[in-house]
Protein backbone atom coordinates (compact mmCIF):
# COMPACT_ATOMS: atom_id res chain seq x y z
CA MET A 1 57.71 15.81 -35.15
CA ALA A 2 56.62 18.87 -37.10
CA TYR A 3 54.80 20.54 -34.21
CA THR A 4 58.00 20.88 -32.17
CA LEU A 5 59.18 23.31 -34.86
CA ASN A 6 56.21 25.54 -34.12
CA LYS A 7 57.72 28.36 -32.07
CA LYS A 8 54.39 29.40 -30.56
CA PHE A 9 53.69 25.82 -29.43
CA GLU A 10 57.07 25.64 -27.70
CA GLU A 11 56.53 29.05 -26.08
CA ILE A 12 53.13 28.04 -24.71
CA LYS A 13 54.39 24.65 -23.55
CA ASN A 14 57.30 26.32 -21.76
CA LEU A 15 54.88 28.54 -19.83
CA ILE A 16 53.82 25.39 -17.95
CA GLN A 17 55.91 25.49 -14.78
CA ASN A 18 54.91 22.04 -13.52
CA GLU A 19 57.64 19.86 -14.99
CA THR A 20 55.53 16.69 -15.01
CA LEU A 21 52.80 18.36 -17.07
CA ARG A 22 55.24 20.20 -19.34
CA ASP A 23 57.10 16.98 -20.15
CA LEU A 24 53.82 15.14 -20.67
CA VAL A 25 52.57 17.43 -23.45
CA ASP A 26 54.66 15.81 -26.19
CA ASP A 27 53.99 12.27 -24.90
CA THR A 28 50.25 12.93 -24.90
CA ILE A 29 50.28 14.36 -28.40
CA THR A 30 52.22 11.33 -29.61
CA LYS A 31 49.96 8.87 -27.77
CA THR A 32 46.77 10.42 -29.11
CA GLY A 33 48.09 10.83 -32.64
CA MET A 34 47.29 14.54 -32.86
CA ASP A 35 48.24 15.81 -36.29
CA GLU A 36 49.89 19.15 -37.00
CA GLU A 37 46.57 20.87 -37.75
CA LYS A 38 45.12 19.83 -34.38
CA VAL A 39 48.31 20.85 -32.55
CA ASN A 40 48.34 24.25 -34.24
CA TYR A 41 44.66 24.81 -33.38
CA ALA A 42 45.23 23.71 -29.76
CA THR A 43 48.22 26.05 -29.57
CA GLU A 44 46.04 28.99 -30.61
CA VAL A 45 43.46 28.05 -27.99
CA ALA A 46 46.18 27.78 -25.32
CA HIS A 47 47.57 31.15 -26.41
CA TRP A 48 44.17 32.79 -25.92
CA CYS A 49 43.72 31.02 -22.57
CA TYR A 50 46.95 32.61 -21.42
CA LYS A 51 45.92 36.03 -22.75
CA LEU A 52 42.59 35.78 -20.91
CA LEU A 53 44.40 34.81 -17.71
CA GLU A 54 46.76 37.75 -18.11
CA ASP A 55 43.82 40.07 -18.65
CA ARG A 56 42.20 38.79 -15.46
CA GLY A 57 45.43 39.37 -13.50
CA VAL A 58 45.83 35.67 -12.77
CA VAL A 59 49.29 35.58 -14.35
CA THR A 60 51.80 38.38 -14.12
CA ASP A 61 55.58 38.59 -14.18
CA ASN A 62 55.56 37.61 -10.49
CA VAL A 63 52.48 35.41 -10.15
CA HIS A 64 51.74 32.03 -11.72
CA GLN A 65 49.13 29.96 -9.94
CA GLY A 66 49.15 26.17 -10.23
CA PHE A 67 45.84 25.93 -12.04
CA VAL A 68 47.36 27.95 -14.90
CA ASP A 69 49.51 24.91 -15.73
CA VAL A 70 46.43 22.70 -15.78
CA ILE A 71 44.60 25.13 -18.09
CA LEU A 72 47.54 25.40 -20.52
CA PHE A 73 48.11 21.66 -20.54
CA GLY A 74 44.40 20.97 -21.05
CA ALA A 75 44.23 23.55 -23.81
CA LEU A 76 47.20 22.00 -25.65
CA ILE A 77 45.48 18.60 -25.76
CA HIS A 78 41.78 19.55 -25.61
CA ASN A 79 41.05 18.48 -29.17
CA ALA A 80 43.04 15.23 -29.20
CA TYR A 81 39.91 13.12 -29.54
CA THR A 82 37.51 15.55 -31.19
CA THR A 83 36.28 14.69 -34.64
CA LEU A 84 34.14 16.39 -37.19
CA ASN A 85 32.13 13.43 -38.39
CA LYS A 86 29.76 14.72 -41.04
CA ASP A 87 27.80 11.45 -40.92
CA ASP A 88 27.22 11.90 -37.18
CA PRO A 89 26.83 15.59 -36.29
CA ASP A 90 26.48 14.62 -32.61
CA SER A 91 29.83 12.80 -32.49
CA HIS A 92 31.40 15.71 -30.56
CA ILE A 93 29.06 14.90 -27.67
CA TYR A 94 30.85 11.59 -27.13
CA ASP A 95 34.30 12.85 -28.07
CA VAL A 96 34.64 15.10 -25.02
CA PHE A 97 34.67 12.04 -22.74
CA LYS A 98 37.27 10.08 -24.71
CA ALA A 99 40.22 11.87 -23.12
CA ARG A 100 39.17 10.77 -19.62
CA GLU A 101 38.54 7.24 -20.86
CA ASN A 102 41.79 6.93 -22.83
CA LEU A 103 44.25 9.03 -20.84
CA ASP A 104 43.43 8.66 -17.14
CA ASP A 105 45.61 5.58 -16.57
CA PHE A 106 48.33 6.99 -18.84
CA PHE A 107 48.48 10.22 -16.80
CA ALA A 108 48.36 8.32 -13.49
CA ASN A 109 51.30 6.16 -14.60
CA LYS A 110 53.21 9.34 -15.49
CA GLY A 111 52.72 10.68 -11.96
CA VAL A 112 49.95 13.22 -12.53
CA PRO A 113 47.95 13.54 -9.29
CA SER A 114 44.26 12.64 -9.44
CA ASP A 115 43.09 16.21 -8.72
CA TYR A 116 45.12 17.48 -11.70
CA ARG A 117 43.80 14.67 -13.90
CA ASN A 118 40.20 15.44 -12.97
CA SER A 119 40.74 19.17 -13.60
CA ILE A 120 42.27 18.46 -17.01
CA PHE A 121 39.38 16.22 -18.00
CA GLN A 122 36.81 18.73 -16.74
CA LEU A 123 38.46 21.37 -18.95
CA ILE A 124 38.32 19.13 -21.99
CA GLU A 125 34.72 18.11 -21.31
CA SER A 126 33.58 21.73 -21.01
CA GLN A 127 35.28 23.02 -24.18
CA TYR A 128 32.01 23.63 -26.03
CA GLY A 129 30.84 26.21 -23.53
CA ALA A 130 27.61 27.16 -21.85
CA THR A 131 25.32 25.97 -24.63
CA PHE A 132 26.67 22.42 -24.82
CA GLU A 133 24.01 19.70 -25.01
CA ILE A 134 25.06 18.05 -21.72
CA PRO A 135 24.31 20.47 -18.89
CA TYR A 136 26.63 19.00 -16.25
CA VAL A 137 29.78 19.69 -18.33
CA ARG A 138 28.87 23.29 -19.08
CA PRO A 139 31.45 25.63 -17.53
CA GLN A 140 30.59 27.98 -14.71
CA ALA A 141 31.30 31.66 -15.35
CA ASP A 142 34.85 32.78 -14.55
CA SER A 143 36.04 29.21 -14.03
CA PRO A 144 39.10 27.56 -15.59
CA GLN A 145 36.66 25.65 -17.80
CA SER A 146 35.07 28.87 -19.03
CA THR A 147 38.54 30.20 -19.84
CA LEU A 148 39.14 27.28 -22.20
CA ALA A 149 35.65 27.50 -23.72
CA THR A 150 36.05 31.26 -24.25
CA ALA A 151 39.49 30.85 -25.82
CA LYS A 152 38.12 28.19 -28.16
CA PHE A 153 35.24 30.53 -29.07
CA ILE A 154 37.74 33.32 -29.84
CA VAL A 155 39.85 31.08 -32.09
CA ASP A 156 36.77 29.74 -33.90
CA THR A 157 35.40 33.27 -34.37
CA ILE A 158 38.70 34.54 -35.76
CA GLU A 159 38.98 31.56 -38.12
CA ASN A 160 35.38 31.96 -39.30
CA ASN A 161 35.86 35.68 -39.90
CA LEU A 162 39.01 35.02 -41.91
CA VAL A 163 37.20 32.45 -44.02
CA ASN A 164 34.24 34.79 -44.55
CA CYS A 165 36.58 37.67 -45.33
CA HIS A 166 38.25 35.62 -48.05
CA ASP A 167 34.86 34.53 -49.39
CA ASP A 168 33.69 38.15 -49.56
CA SER A 169 36.79 39.25 -51.46
CA ASP A 170 35.47 37.51 -54.56
CA HIS A 171 32.59 39.98 -54.82
């Protein structure tokens, strides 16, 4: 698969110390049919999650807490079921729940404990941040969920600024 050639993807995946989760990344991407564009975007989000965790002192050369693996894993697959359906601008509201619906049994059969599964799904469901239309999936400040939502915001902001920068260069 093309995404395995992405050095940054491999580096982020290899930061996951939990072997079950690390090995499950590729299987999940294959099962969900994530294309290279989605994998590259998810890799950028996971990269920024890690940077935010470093900045907060959660990960250092000597410290790597278990929830870091859950955040990185969730970040690498967070957009597996998201769509940009122009005919249904609210489709993202339903998409955030598809991972739980489609992957819970798959993860259970691969040996992922239920508390890890629930944490992963909560991350995915909270990816749109504090202004998401469904209040109960909005992340709490300084939570793992807010880390993912903030990283996604950073990546989207960078991408939008690059697009706008290129648009402005024509003038």
